[in-house]
Amino acid sequence: MSNYQEYVDDTNSLTDKVDSEDEILKLKTAIKENPNQVSVYYNLAVLCHSLGKIDEAIENFQKTAKWNPLDASIFNNLGVLYYKKSDLKQAEANFRKAILLEPSHVEAIYGLGKIYLEFAKNKNDWKIEAFKTDLKNRIEMLCENDKTDEAWKLSEKLIKLIPDNAEYLNNHAVISYELNKIEEAHEAITKAKELSPDDTGIQENYQLIFQIEDKKEVTVVESGQDKIAFFCGPDDNFLNGIMAHLSQKYEVKRFQGGTVQDMHDLMKWSSVSWFEWCDNFITHASKLPKVCKTICRLHSYEAFTDVIRQINWKTVDDLVFVAPHIRDIVTKQLPNLSQDVNIHVIFNGVDLEKYSFKDRQKGFNIAYVGYINHKKNPALLLQCIKYLVDIDDRYVLHVAGKHQELRFQLYFEHIIKEMELEKNVVFHGWIDDINGWLEDKHFTVSTSVLESFCHGIADAMACGLKPLIHNFIGAKELYPQKYIFNSVKDFSDMVINDDYNPAEYRKYIKDNYSQDKQLNEIENLLESVSK
């Protein structure tokens, strides 16, 4: 019995029509005649509860539990009864037992939440905080596994328990909208907006839910014109060259920001809408009425966010990955993705005209280009340099970039002194003219734990620098084994050995990752999408 209160209510209505005490007597007689009949104990317990005989109800549910110890509903009912007696410890124990037997038992989860709210009144709030986090994670996991109905039931209980949390209300509104529960979506998103009027995510969802509630029909606008609309946030480094090239053949517009309606209007104008990055833009666009062909290009960080699960991929025509290992990471999380959207891999491209090749001689300058953060594995970088310098102190690491995390900045400053590397690690700050800066460098290094491509390495290779690449997931799919190291000793051996061929490094980029090759593949994709 998943909703015990409904059963009690039904019993209450029946007791108005019959002699309740007589019914109790009949049930007790039935138990004497057939003491193994579990359902009789259950019915007697419910009848006692309806008459306010809480202790008798508990006694009969406990007997029922002995016969059927794996029935979560029995322990949920005991939790309800102990809660009525204000015996919160026993109530908690029984609700937890119900959830252990049936992890998605909505009523037991709700009952446990009510108990923890009572605990919080006595300044014992750690349990309710842990409960809220756990319930939020459960809801997200159910959504990720396409169990939206179950997620909605739990989400409904969460906002009933915590009615003034804008985040929970926003999430409930989105789930409600996905299930076409428009009235619930309206109510939740309106309250979320009142509680947190400056939250841009809530504002966007508010616009989305109220603007397209009656527009469930999908209509593709056919157009003979070649128009491409580009949607991209502030990080457009990977897009500028593509837009400049395509503008020679297509009429191109870029979204300049605005409301969801502004986004939809630009999509209506285009024959193809290109979404750079798998972010909030494509999330909202995927839920709008379909008016054009849609392409999304996913780089790498998106593969580790929940955004990939929030997109309605059935309305996206083509999904472009920049590397096969990133594709594999995403498709393992979304095993049905290929059924919903056409999947492609188009590698990033290097503008060879931008990077001057120099047939340099082997030297002692090692270049690191880019930000310094936990993803770049900076501790390994310094360990590699220390190992190498202990062999030959002429080697110097030159860093063109900047720290993004104070933790690692402090570590760098500390460990460089501790390892006496002050003369062997030189910071140059952020460098705009990387081509010129690489002129006197001989090696380029990456110690990242994961990259989709590593432009810093590829650009330097185009200039003729020897690559030193830590064996991140997917590295061997992008670069030859001879350029990859596992340990600090491997790193040192690669630097010190005599294998040094600048023309080879340039040729590898030209043959595999030239911008011309990338643009040709993008044009082929656009032509196929437009047909």
Protein backbone atom coordinates (compact mmCIF):
# COMPACT_ATOMS: atom_id res chain seq x y z
CA MET A 1 0.00 0.00 0.00
CA SER A 2 2.07 2.94 -1.30
CA ASN A 3 -0.21 5.66 0.11
CA TYR A 4 -1.19 4.56 3.55
CA GLN A 5 -3.13 7.74 4.36
CA GLU A 6 -5.54 7.08 1.48
CA TYR A 7 -6.20 3.62 2.89
CA VAL A 8 -6.84 5.09 6.35
CA ASP A 9 -9.19 7.67 4.84
CA ASP A 10 -11.12 4.92 3.07
CA THR A 11 -11.37 3.00 6.33
CA ASN A 12 -12.60 6.12 8.12
CA SER A 13 -15.41 6.48 5.60
CA LEU A 14 -16.38 2.86 6.16
CA THR A 15 -16.41 3.15 9.94
CA ASP A 16 -19.08 5.82 9.62
CA LYS A 17 -21.39 3.21 8.10
CA VAL A 18 -20.72 0.20 10.33
CA ASP A 19 -20.20 -0.65 13.99
CA SER A 20 -16.44 -0.22 14.23
CA GLU A 21 -16.08 -2.12 17.49
CA ASP A 22 -18.04 -4.98 15.97
CA GLU A 23 -15.69 -4.97 12.98
CA ILE A 24 -12.66 -5.10 15.29
CA LEU A 25 -14.21 -8.04 17.10
CA LYS A 26 -14.81 -9.87 13.82
CA LEU A 27 -11.19 -9.31 12.74
CA LYS A 28 -9.86 -10.54 16.09
CA THR A 29 -12.05 -13.64 15.78
CA ALA A 30 -10.71 -14.25 12.30
CA ILE A 31 -7.15 -14.04 13.65
CA LYS A 32 -7.92 -16.65 16.32
CA GLU A 33 -9.35 -18.97 13.68
CA ASN A 34 -6.56 -18.34 11.18
CA PRO A 35 -3.55 -16.74 12.92
CA ASN A 36 -1.38 -17.02 9.78
CA GLN A 37 -3.53 -14.69 7.68
CA VAL A 38 -1.31 -11.59 7.32
CA SER A 39 -3.93 -9.44 5.61
CA VAL A 40 -6.23 -9.67 8.65
CA TYR A 41 -3.55 -8.21 10.93
CA TYR A 42 -2.98 -5.45 8.36
CA ASN A 43 -6.69 -4.60 8.11
CA LEU A 44 -7.05 -4.64 11.89
CA ALA A 45 -4.09 -2.29 12.24
CA VAL A 46 -5.59 0.16 9.73
CA LEU A 47 -9.00 0.02 11.42
CA CYS A 48 -7.44 0.67 14.82
CA HIS A 49 -5.57 3.65 13.41
CA SER A 50 -8.76 5.07 11.93
CA LEU A 51 -10.34 4.89 15.38
CA GLY A 52 -7.38 6.59 17.02
CA LYS A 53 -6.17 3.41 18.72
CA ILE A 54 -2.55 4.07 17.87
CA ASP A 55 -0.93 1.54 20.20
CA GLU A 56 -3.16 -1.28 18.95
CA ALA A 57 -2.44 -0.27 15.38
CA ILE A 58 1.30 -0.38 16.05
CA GLU A 59 1.01 -3.78 17.74
CA ASN A 60 -0.80 -5.28 14.74
CA PHE A 61 1.53 -3.75 12.18
CA GLN A 62 4.48 -5.18 14.12
CA LYS A 63 2.85 -8.62 13.95
CA THR A 64 2.32 -8.10 10.23
CA ALA A 65 6.01 -7.21 9.85
CA LYS A 66 7.05 -10.50 11.46
CA TRP A 67 5.15 -12.41 8.78
CA ASN A 68 6.20 -10.12 5.96
CA PRO A 69 9.52 -8.44 6.87
CA LEU A 70 10.24 -7.34 3.28
CA ASP A 71 7.12 -5.23 2.80
CA ALA A 72 8.24 -1.59 2.84
CA SER A 73 4.68 -0.30 3.23
CA ILE A 74 4.34 -1.92 6.66
CA PHE A 75 7.38 -0.08 8.01
CA ASN A 76 6.19 3.14 6.38
CA ASN A 77 2.87 2.74 8.21
CA LEU A 78 4.69 2.16 11.49
CA GLY A 79 6.69 5.31 10.82
CA VAL A 80 3.44 7.26 10.39
CA LEU A 81 2.03 5.91 13.65
CA TYR A 82 5.15 6.58 15.70
CA TYR A 83 5.25 10.10 14.25
CA LYS A 84 1.69 10.59 15.53
CA LYS A 85 2.88 9.49 18.97
CA SER A 86 5.79 11.97 18.70
CA ASP A 87 8.21 9.07 19.07
CA LEU A 88 10.54 10.49 16.45
CA LYS A 89 13.38 8.00 16.95
CA GLN A 90 11.12 5.01 16.33
CA ALA A 91 9.47 6.84 13.44
CA GLU A 92 12.88 7.55 11.91
CA ALA A 93 13.96 3.93 12.29
CA ASN A 94 10.85 2.60 10.57
CA PHE A 95 10.93 5.11 7.72
CA ARG A 96 14.58 4.27 7.15
CA LYS A 97 13.75 0.54 7.11
CA ALA A 98 11.03 1.19 4.51
CA ILE A 99 13.48 3.13 2.34
CA LEU A 100 16.11 0.43 2.72
CA LEU A 101 13.60 -2.11 1.37
CA GLU A 102 12.25 0.23 -1.32
CA PRO A 103 14.63 3.13 -2.05
CA SER A 104 12.05 5.04 -4.09
CA HIS A 105 9.23 4.77 -1.52
CA VAL A 106 7.97 8.33 -1.82
CA GLU A 107 5.81 8.39 1.32
CA ALA A 108 8.59 7.00 3.52
CA ILE A 109 11.07 9.51 2.13
CA TYR A 110 8.61 12.31 2.81
CA GLY A 111 7.98 11.03 6.34
CA LEU A 112 11.71 10.90 7.05
CA GLY A 113 12.06 14.47 5.84
CA LYS A 114 9.32 15.64 8.21
CA ILE A 115 11.15 14.01 11.11
CA TYR A 116 14.43 15.69 10.22
CA LEU A 117 12.66 19.04 10.06
CA GLU A 118 11.47 18.38 13.62
CA PHE A 119 15.04 17.56 14.64
CA ALA A 120 16.19 20.84 13.08
CA LYS A 121 13.86 22.78 15.38
CA ASN A 122 16.09 21.62 18.22
CA LYS A 123 19.19 22.87 16.39
CA ASN A 124 20.05 19.37 15.21
CA ASP A 125 19.97 20.31 11.54
CA TRP A 126 22.77 18.19 10.03
CA LYS A 127 20.36 15.38 9.22
CA ILE A 128 17.97 17.58 7.25
CA GLU A 129 20.87 19.11 5.34
CA ALA A 130 22.19 15.65 4.43
CA PHE A 131 18.64 14.55 3.59
CA LYS A 132 18.09 17.49 1.22
CA THR A 133 21.37 16.84 -0.57
CA ASP A 134 20.62 13.13 -0.90
CA LEU A 135 17.09 13.73 -2.17
CA LYS A 136 18.27 16.29 -4.70
CA ASN A 137 20.86 13.79 -5.96
CA ARG A 138 18.21 11.05 -6.18
CA ILE A 139 16.00 13.30 -8.28
CA GLU A 140 18.86 14.19 -10.60
CA MET A 141 19.82 10.54 -10.98
CA LEU A 142 16.25 9.55 -11.83
CA CYS A 143 16.12 12.28 -14.47
CA GLU A 144 19.44 11.10 -15.89
CA ASN A 145 18.02 7.57 -16.20
CA ASP A 146 14.84 8.81 -17.94
CA LYS A 147 12.70 8.05 -14.88
CA THR A 148 11.11 11.47 -14.94
CA ASP A 149 7.80 10.35 -13.41
CA GLU A 150 9.57 9.02 -10.31
CA ALA A 151 11.73 12.13 -10.17
CA TRP A 152 8.62 14.32 -10.24
CA LYS A 153 7.04 12.50 -7.30
CA LEU A 154 10.14 12.99 -5.18
CA SER A 155 10.55 16.57 -6.33
CA GLU A 156 6.95 17.29 -5.34
CA LYS A 157 7.69 16.03 -1.82
CA LEU A 158 10.91 18.04 -1.63
CA ILE A 159 9.18 21.36 -2.35
CA LYS A 160 6.42 20.39 0.07
CA LEU A 161 9.03 19.90 2.78
CA ILE A 162 11.14 22.92 1.76
CA PRO A 163 8.64 25.29 0.11
CA ASP A 164 10.83 28.41 -0.04
CA ASN A 165 13.91 27.11 -1.87
CA ALA A 166 14.21 28.72 -5.31
CA GLU A 167 16.55 26.03 -6.64
CA TYR A 168 14.20 23.18 -5.73
CA LEU A 169 11.22 25.05 -7.16
CA ASN A 170 13.09 25.79 -10.38
CA ASN A 171 14.06 22.13 -10.79
CA HIS A 172 10.49 21.03 -10.07
CA ALA A 173 9.18 23.45 -12.68
CA VAL A 174 11.52 22.02 -15.31
CA ILE A 175 10.55 18.42 -14.48
CA SER A 176 6.86 19.36 -14.49
CA TYR A 177 7.24 21.01 -17.87
CA GLU A 178 8.98 17.92 -19.26
CA LEU A 179 5.94 15.86 -18.18
CA ASN A 180 3.54 18.42 -19.64
CA LYS A 181 2.26 19.30 -16.16
CA ILE A 182 1.93 22.92 -17.22
CA GLU A 183 -0.08 24.18 -14.24
CA GLU A 184 2.45 22.76 -11.77
CA ALA A 185 5.31 24.18 -13.87
CA HIS A 186 3.69 27.63 -13.82
CA GLU A 187 3.17 27.59 -10.08
CA ALA A 188 6.70 26.38 -9.26
CA ILE A 189 8.63 28.65 -11.64
CA THR A 190 6.56 31.69 -10.61
CA LYS A 191 7.37 31.14 -6.95
CA ALA A 192 11.04 30.46 -7.76
CA LYS A 193 11.21 33.75 -9.66
CA GLU A 194 9.62 35.61 -6.73
CA LEU A 195 12.17 34.11 -4.33
CA SER A 196 15.19 34.69 -6.57
CA PRO A 197 14.35 37.40 -9.13
CA ASP A 198 17.97 37.95 -10.22
CA ASP A 199 18.79 34.31 -11.00
CA THR A 200 19.36 34.18 -14.78
CA GLY A 201 18.70 30.43 -14.97
CA ILE A 202 15.32 30.86 -13.29
CA GLN A 203 14.52 33.82 -15.54
CA GLU A 204 15.31 31.76 -18.65
CA ASN A 205 13.17 28.85 -17.47
CA TYR A 206 10.35 31.25 -16.64
CA GLN A 207 10.42 32.61 -20.20
CA LEU A 208 10.66 29.12 -21.64
CA ILE A 209 7.75 27.66 -19.67
CA PHE A 210 5.39 30.58 -20.22
CA GLN A 211 6.23 31.16 -23.89
CA ILE A 212 5.88 27.70 -25.36
CA GLU A 213 3.27 25.98 -23.23
CA ASP A 214 0.78 25.76 -26.11
CA LYS A 215 3.34 25.22 -28.88
CA LYS A 216 3.83 21.50 -28.79
CA GLU A 217 3.60 21.04 -32.56
CA VAL A 218 7.02 20.84 -34.22
CA THR A 219 7.18 22.71 -37.49
CA VAL A 220 10.37 22.91 -39.52
CA VAL A 221 10.63 26.02 -41.65
CA GLU A 222 11.81 25.04 -45.10
CA SER A 223 14.02 27.60 -46.73
CA GLY A 224 16.09 27.60 -49.86
CA GLN A 225 18.38 30.26 -48.43
CA ASP A 226 21.72 29.33 -46.94
CA LYS A 227 21.59 31.11 -43.60
CA ILE A 228 23.52 30.05 -40.52
CA ALA A 229 22.90 31.37 -37.03
CA PHE A 230 25.67 30.89 -34.49
CA PHE A 231 25.00 30.71 -30.76
CA CYS A 232 28.01 30.97 -28.47
CA GLY A 233 28.84 32.37 -25.06
CA PRO A 234 31.84 34.63 -24.38
CA ASP A 235 34.40 31.88 -25.12
CA ASP A 236 34.42 32.06 -28.92
CA ASN A 237 38.11 31.30 -29.57
CA PHE A 238 37.24 28.07 -31.34
CA LEU A 239 34.47 29.64 -33.42
CA ASN A 240 35.85 32.84 -34.92
CA GLY A 241 37.84 31.17 -37.70
CA ILE A 242 34.89 28.95 -38.62
CA MET A 243 32.49 31.90 -38.82
CA ALA A 244 34.91 33.94 -40.91
CA HIS A 245 35.33 31.09 -43.39
CA LEU A 246 31.64 30.21 -43.66
CA SER A 247 30.63 33.86 -44.11
CA GLN A 248 32.24 33.67 -47.56
CA LYS A 249 29.60 31.16 -48.65
CA TYR A 250 26.65 31.60 -46.28
CA GLU A 251 24.75 34.48 -44.80
CA VAL A 252 25.88 34.40 -41.18
CA LYS A 253 24.50 35.96 -38.01
CA ARG A 254 25.60 35.54 -34.41
CA PHE A 255 23.26 35.65 -31.44
CA GLN A 256 24.00 38.79 -29.49
CA GLY A 257 22.17 37.77 -26.34
CA GLY A 258 18.66 38.49 -25.15
CA THR A 259 15.59 36.50 -24.23
CA VAL A 260 14.57 32.99 -25.20
CA GLN A 261 12.18 34.59 -27.68
CA ASP A 262 15.10 36.47 -29.27
CA MET A 263 16.90 33.16 -29.61
CA HIS A 264 13.88 31.57 -31.23
CA ASP A 265 13.48 34.46 -33.65
CA LEU A 266 17.07 34.07 -34.87
CA MET A 267 16.56 30.32 -35.25
CA LYS A 268 13.48 31.05 -37.40
CA TRP A 269 15.62 33.27 -39.60
CA SER A 270 18.23 30.57 -40.16
CA SER A 271 18.18 27.38 -42.15
CA VAL A 272 20.81 25.95 -39.79
CA SER A 273 21.51 26.98 -36.20
CA TRP A 274 24.96 26.10 -34.87
CA PHE A 275 25.42 25.92 -31.10
CA GLU A 276 29.04 26.17 -30.01
CA TRP A 277 29.44 24.42 -26.66
CA CYS A 278 26.86 22.17 -25.06
CA ASP A 279 25.48 24.73 -22.63
CA ASN A 280 22.31 26.59 -21.66
CA PHE A 281 21.78 27.90 -25.18
CA ILE A 282 21.29 24.45 -26.70
CA THR A 283 19.38 23.29 -23.61
CA HIS A 284 16.72 25.95 -24.16
CA ALA A 285 16.78 25.67 -27.94
CA SER A 286 16.16 21.93 -27.80
CA LYS A 287 12.87 22.55 -26.01
CA LEU A 288 11.59 25.23 -28.37
CA PRO A 289 9.32 24.47 -31.34
CA LYS A 290 11.58 23.22 -34.12
CA VAL A 291 12.01 25.79 -36.90
CA CYS A 292 15.39 24.92 -38.44
CA LYS A 293 18.10 22.30 -38.57
CA THR A 294 20.22 22.29 -35.42
CA ILE A 295 23.88 21.41 -34.88
CA CYS A 296 25.68 21.35 -31.54
CA ARG A 297 29.46 21.11 -31.11
CA LEU A 298 30.62 19.65 -27.80
CA HIS A 299 34.23 20.19 -26.71
CA SER A 300 35.19 18.46 -23.45
CA TYR A 301 34.16 20.07 -20.16
CA GLU A 302 30.49 19.58 -21.06
CA ALA A 303 30.96 15.81 -20.94
CA PHE A 304 31.32 16.09 -17.17
CA THR A 305 28.25 18.24 -16.49
CA ASP A 306 24.54 17.49 -16.12
CA VAL A 307 23.73 19.69 -19.10
CA ILE A 308 24.08 16.75 -21.49
CA ARG A 309 21.13 15.13 -19.70
CA GLN A 310 18.94 18.24 -19.79
CA ILE A 311 18.92 18.53 -23.58
CA ASN A 312 16.11 17.11 -25.69
CA TRP A 313 18.44 15.44 -28.19
CA LYS A 314 15.56 14.31 -30.36
CA THR A 315 15.19 17.89 -31.59
CA VAL A 316 18.91 18.27 -32.37
CA ASP A 317 19.88 17.05 -35.85
CA ASP A 318 23.64 16.65 -35.53
CA LEU A 319 26.08 16.50 -32.63
CA VAL A 320 29.75 17.17 -33.35
CA PHE A 321 32.49 15.95 -31.04
CA VAL A 322 36.05 17.22 -31.39
CA ALA A 323 37.61 13.89 -30.44
CA PRO A 324 36.55 10.23 -30.32
CA HIS A 325 37.37 9.76 -26.63
CA ILE A 326 35.09 12.66 -25.70
CA ARG A 327 32.36 11.05 -27.79
CA ASP A 328 32.87 7.78 -25.93
CA ILE A 329 32.71 9.48 -22.52
CA VAL A 330 29.36 11.04 -23.39
CA THR A 331 27.79 8.01 -25.09
CA LYS A 332 28.63 5.81 -22.12
CA GLN A 333 26.53 8.18 -20.01
CA LEU A 334 23.80 8.45 -22.65
CA PRO A 335 23.70 5.00 -24.29
CA ASN A 336 20.69 5.86 -26.49
CA LEU A 337 22.15 9.10 -27.78
CA SER A 338 22.92 7.77 -31.27
CA GLN A 339 19.25 6.89 -31.71
CA ASP A 340 18.23 10.50 -31.17
CA VAL A 341 20.91 12.50 -33.00
CA ASN A 342 23.46 12.03 -35.78
CA ILE A 343 26.94 11.85 -34.23
CA HIS A 344 30.15 13.07 -35.89
CA VAL A 345 33.77 13.57 -34.93
CA ILE A 346 35.47 16.58 -36.50
CA PHE A 347 38.87 17.34 -35.01
CA ASN A 348 39.95 20.86 -34.11
CA GLY A 349 42.12 22.63 -36.66
CA VAL A 350 45.31 24.68 -36.50
CA ASP A 351 45.70 27.74 -38.72
CA LEU A 352 49.13 26.94 -40.18
CA GLU A 353 49.48 30.43 -41.64
CA LYS A 354 49.28 31.84 -38.11
CA TYR A 355 52.18 29.72 -36.80
CA SER A 356 55.59 30.09 -38.43
CA PHE A 357 57.69 26.99 -38.83
CA LYS A 358 61.34 27.13 -37.79
CA ASP A 359 63.74 24.26 -38.41
CA ARG A 360 65.37 24.82 -35.04
CA GLN A 361 68.15 22.95 -33.32
CA LYS A 362 67.53 21.06 -30.11
CA GLY A 363 67.91 23.27 -27.04
CA PHE A 364 66.94 23.60 -23.38
CA ASN A 365 63.77 25.70 -23.33
CA ILE A 366 60.49 23.92 -22.54
CA ALA A 367 57.23 25.78 -23.18
CA TYR A 368 53.99 25.46 -21.24
CA VAL A 369 51.09 27.41 -22.78
CA GLY A 370 47.71 27.93 -21.15
CA TYR A 371 45.90 28.26 -17.86
CA ILE A 372 47.13 26.54 -14.70
CA ASN A 373 44.36 24.69 -12.86
CA HIS A 374 43.64 21.25 -11.42
CA LYS A 375 42.73 19.82 -14.84
CA LYS A 376 46.21 20.65 -16.11
CA ASN A 377 47.84 18.51 -13.40
CA PRO A 378 50.39 21.19 -12.45
CA ALA A 379 51.98 19.14 -9.65
CA LEU A 380 53.14 16.57 -12.19
CA LEU A 381 54.53 19.36 -14.37
CA LEU A 382 56.87 20.53 -11.61
CA GLN A 383 57.86 16.99 -10.70
CA CYS A 384 58.86 16.39 -14.32
CA ILE A 385 60.96 19.53 -14.41
CA LYS A 386 62.62 18.70 -11.08
CA TYR A 387 63.57 15.21 -12.27
CA LEU A 388 65.02 16.63 -15.50
CA VAL A 389 66.91 19.49 -13.82
CA ASP A 390 68.52 17.07 -11.39
CA ILE A 391 70.06 15.43 -14.45
CA ASP A 392 70.89 18.62 -16.37
CA ASP A 393 70.24 22.01 -14.80
CA ARG A 394 70.40 23.84 -18.14
CA TYR A 395 66.75 23.01 -18.84
CA VAL A 396 64.20 25.74 -18.11
CA LEU A 397 60.40 25.62 -18.04
CA HIS A 398 58.83 28.75 -19.53
CA VAL A 399 55.18 29.34 -18.63
CA ALA A 400 52.94 31.46 -20.85
CA GLY A 401 49.67 31.60 -18.95
CA LYS A 402 48.14 32.35 -15.60
CA HIS A 403 46.81 30.66 -12.52
CA GLN A 404 43.07 30.08 -12.19
CA GLU A 405 43.10 28.56 -8.71
CA LEU A 406 44.72 30.14 -5.66
CA ARG A 407 45.38 26.69 -4.19
CA PHE A 408 47.73 25.76 -7.02
CA GLN A 409 49.28 29.20 -7.21
CA LEU A 410 50.29 28.89 -3.56
CA TYR A 411 51.55 25.36 -4.15
CA PHE A 412 53.63 26.49 -7.14
CA GLU A 413 55.25 29.31 -5.21
CA HIS A 414 55.94 27.02 -2.27
CA ILE A 415 57.25 23.92 -4.04
CA ILE A 416 59.40 25.82 -6.54
CA LYS A 417 61.33 27.25 -3.60
CA GLU A 418 61.41 23.91 -1.77
CA MET A 419 62.78 22.13 -4.83
CA GLU A 420 65.17 25.02 -5.61
CA LEU A 421 63.74 25.56 -9.09
CA GLU A 422 63.67 29.38 -9.02
CA LYS A 423 66.13 29.57 -11.92
CA ASN A 424 64.49 26.75 -13.86
CA VAL A 425 60.84 27.86 -13.87
CA VAL A 426 60.10 31.24 -15.45
CA PHE A 427 56.64 32.83 -15.58
CA HIS A 428 55.92 35.14 -18.52
CA GLY A 429 52.25 35.85 -17.79
CA TRP A 430 49.57 35.76 -20.44
CA ILE A 431 51.06 36.00 -23.95
CA ASP A 432 48.96 37.18 -26.89
CA ASP A 433 51.61 36.57 -29.56
CA ILE A 434 52.30 32.88 -28.92
CA ASN A 435 53.88 32.46 -32.34
CA GLY A 436 56.56 35.04 -31.54
CA TRP A 437 57.00 33.81 -27.97
CA LEU A 438 57.74 30.25 -29.17
CA GLU A 439 60.57 31.45 -31.39
CA ASP A 440 63.35 30.46 -28.94
CA LYS A 441 61.62 27.42 -27.38
CA HIS A 442 62.45 23.80 -28.19
CA PHE A 443 59.87 21.59 -26.44
CA THR A 444 56.18 21.95 -25.58
CA VAL A 445 54.69 20.13 -22.60
CA SER A 446 51.24 19.11 -21.37
CA THR A 447 50.64 17.21 -18.13
CA SER A 448 46.82 17.41 -18.27
CA VAL A 449 44.66 14.63 -16.91
CA LEU A 450 42.30 15.07 -19.87
CA GLU A 451 42.18 17.16 -23.03
CA SER A 452 39.94 17.04 -26.06
CA PHE A 453 42.78 18.18 -28.31
CA CYS A 454 45.27 20.44 -26.49
CA HIS A 455 45.67 23.42 -28.79
CA GLY A 456 48.75 24.59 -26.91
CA ILE A 457 50.59 21.44 -27.96
CA ALA A 458 49.32 21.42 -31.55
CA ASP A 459 50.11 25.10 -32.14
CA ALA A 460 53.64 24.65 -30.84
CA MET A 461 54.16 21.55 -32.97
CA ALA A 462 53.19 23.61 -36.00
CA CYS A 463 56.10 25.90 -35.10
CA GLY A 464 58.45 22.92 -34.91
CA LEU A 465 58.60 22.22 -31.15
CA LYS A 466 58.89 18.65 -29.92
CA PRO A 467 55.75 17.61 -27.97
CA LEU A 468 55.92 16.05 -24.50
CA ILE A 469 52.40 14.82 -23.71
CA HIS A 470 51.28 13.11 -20.52
CA ASN A 471 49.21 10.00 -21.24
CA PHE A 472 45.74 11.44 -20.61
CA ILE A 473 42.64 9.50 -21.63
CA GLY A 474 42.46 9.66 -25.42
CA ALA A 475 46.01 10.96 -25.94
CA LYS A 476 46.99 7.96 -28.05
CA GLU A 477 44.02 8.55 -30.34
CA LEU A 478 45.29 12.07 -31.04
CA TYR A 479 49.09 11.80 -31.06
CA PRO A 480 51.70 9.11 -31.77
CA GLN A 481 53.00 6.98 -28.91
CA LYS A 482 56.50 8.44 -29.32
CA TYR A 483 55.21 11.83 -28.13
CA ILE A 484 53.52 10.45 -24.98
CA PHE A 485 54.96 9.78 -21.53
CA ASN A 486 53.66 8.02 -18.41
CA SER A 487 56.24 8.84 -15.75
CA VAL A 488 58.71 11.58 -14.88
CA LYS A 489 61.51 9.26 -16.07
CA ASP A 490 59.76 8.79 -19.43
CA PHE A 491 59.47 12.57 -19.67
CA SER A 492 63.16 13.07 -18.97
CA ASP A 493 64.20 10.38 -21.45
CA MET A 494 62.10 12.00 -24.20
CA VAL A 495 63.80 15.36 -23.60
CA ILE A 496 67.34 14.08 -23.34
CA ASN A 497 67.39 11.57 -26.21
CA ASP A 498 68.64 12.65 -29.65
CA ASP A 499 65.30 12.17 -31.44
CA TYR A 500 64.50 15.74 -32.48
CA ASN A 501 62.84 16.54 -35.84
CA PRO A 502 60.97 19.87 -36.16
CA ALA A 503 59.81 19.16 -39.72
CA GLU A 504 58.15 15.94 -38.52
CA TYR A 505 56.16 17.78 -35.86
CA ARG A 506 54.92 20.38 -38.32
CA LYS A 507 54.00 17.71 -40.87
CA TYR A 508 51.99 15.75 -38.33
CA ILE A 509 49.79 18.76 -37.62
CA LYS A 510 49.47 19.61 -41.32
CA ASP A 511 48.46 16.07 -42.25
CA ASN A 512 46.02 15.54 -39.40
CA TYR A 513 44.84 18.80 -37.86
CA SER A 514 45.09 21.62 -40.37
CA GLN A 515 42.32 24.19 -40.24
CA ASP A 516 41.67 23.62 -43.94
CA LYS A 517 40.88 19.97 -43.22
CA GLN A 518 38.57 20.93 -40.37
CA LEU A 519 36.71 23.53 -42.44
CA ASN A 520 36.21 21.11 -45.32
CA GLU A 521 34.62 18.59 -42.99
CA ILE A 522 32.36 21.27 -41.48
CA GLU A 523 31.26 22.37 -44.94
CA ASN A 524 30.46 18.77 -45.86
CA LEU A 525 28.38 18.45 -42.70
CA LEU A 526 26.44 21.65 -43.44
CA GLU A 527 25.73 20.51 -46.97
CA SER A 528 24.40 17.17 -45.74
CA VAL A 529 22.27 18.84 -43.07
CA SER A 530 20.81 21.32 -45.56
CA LYS A 531 19.62 18.62 -47.96
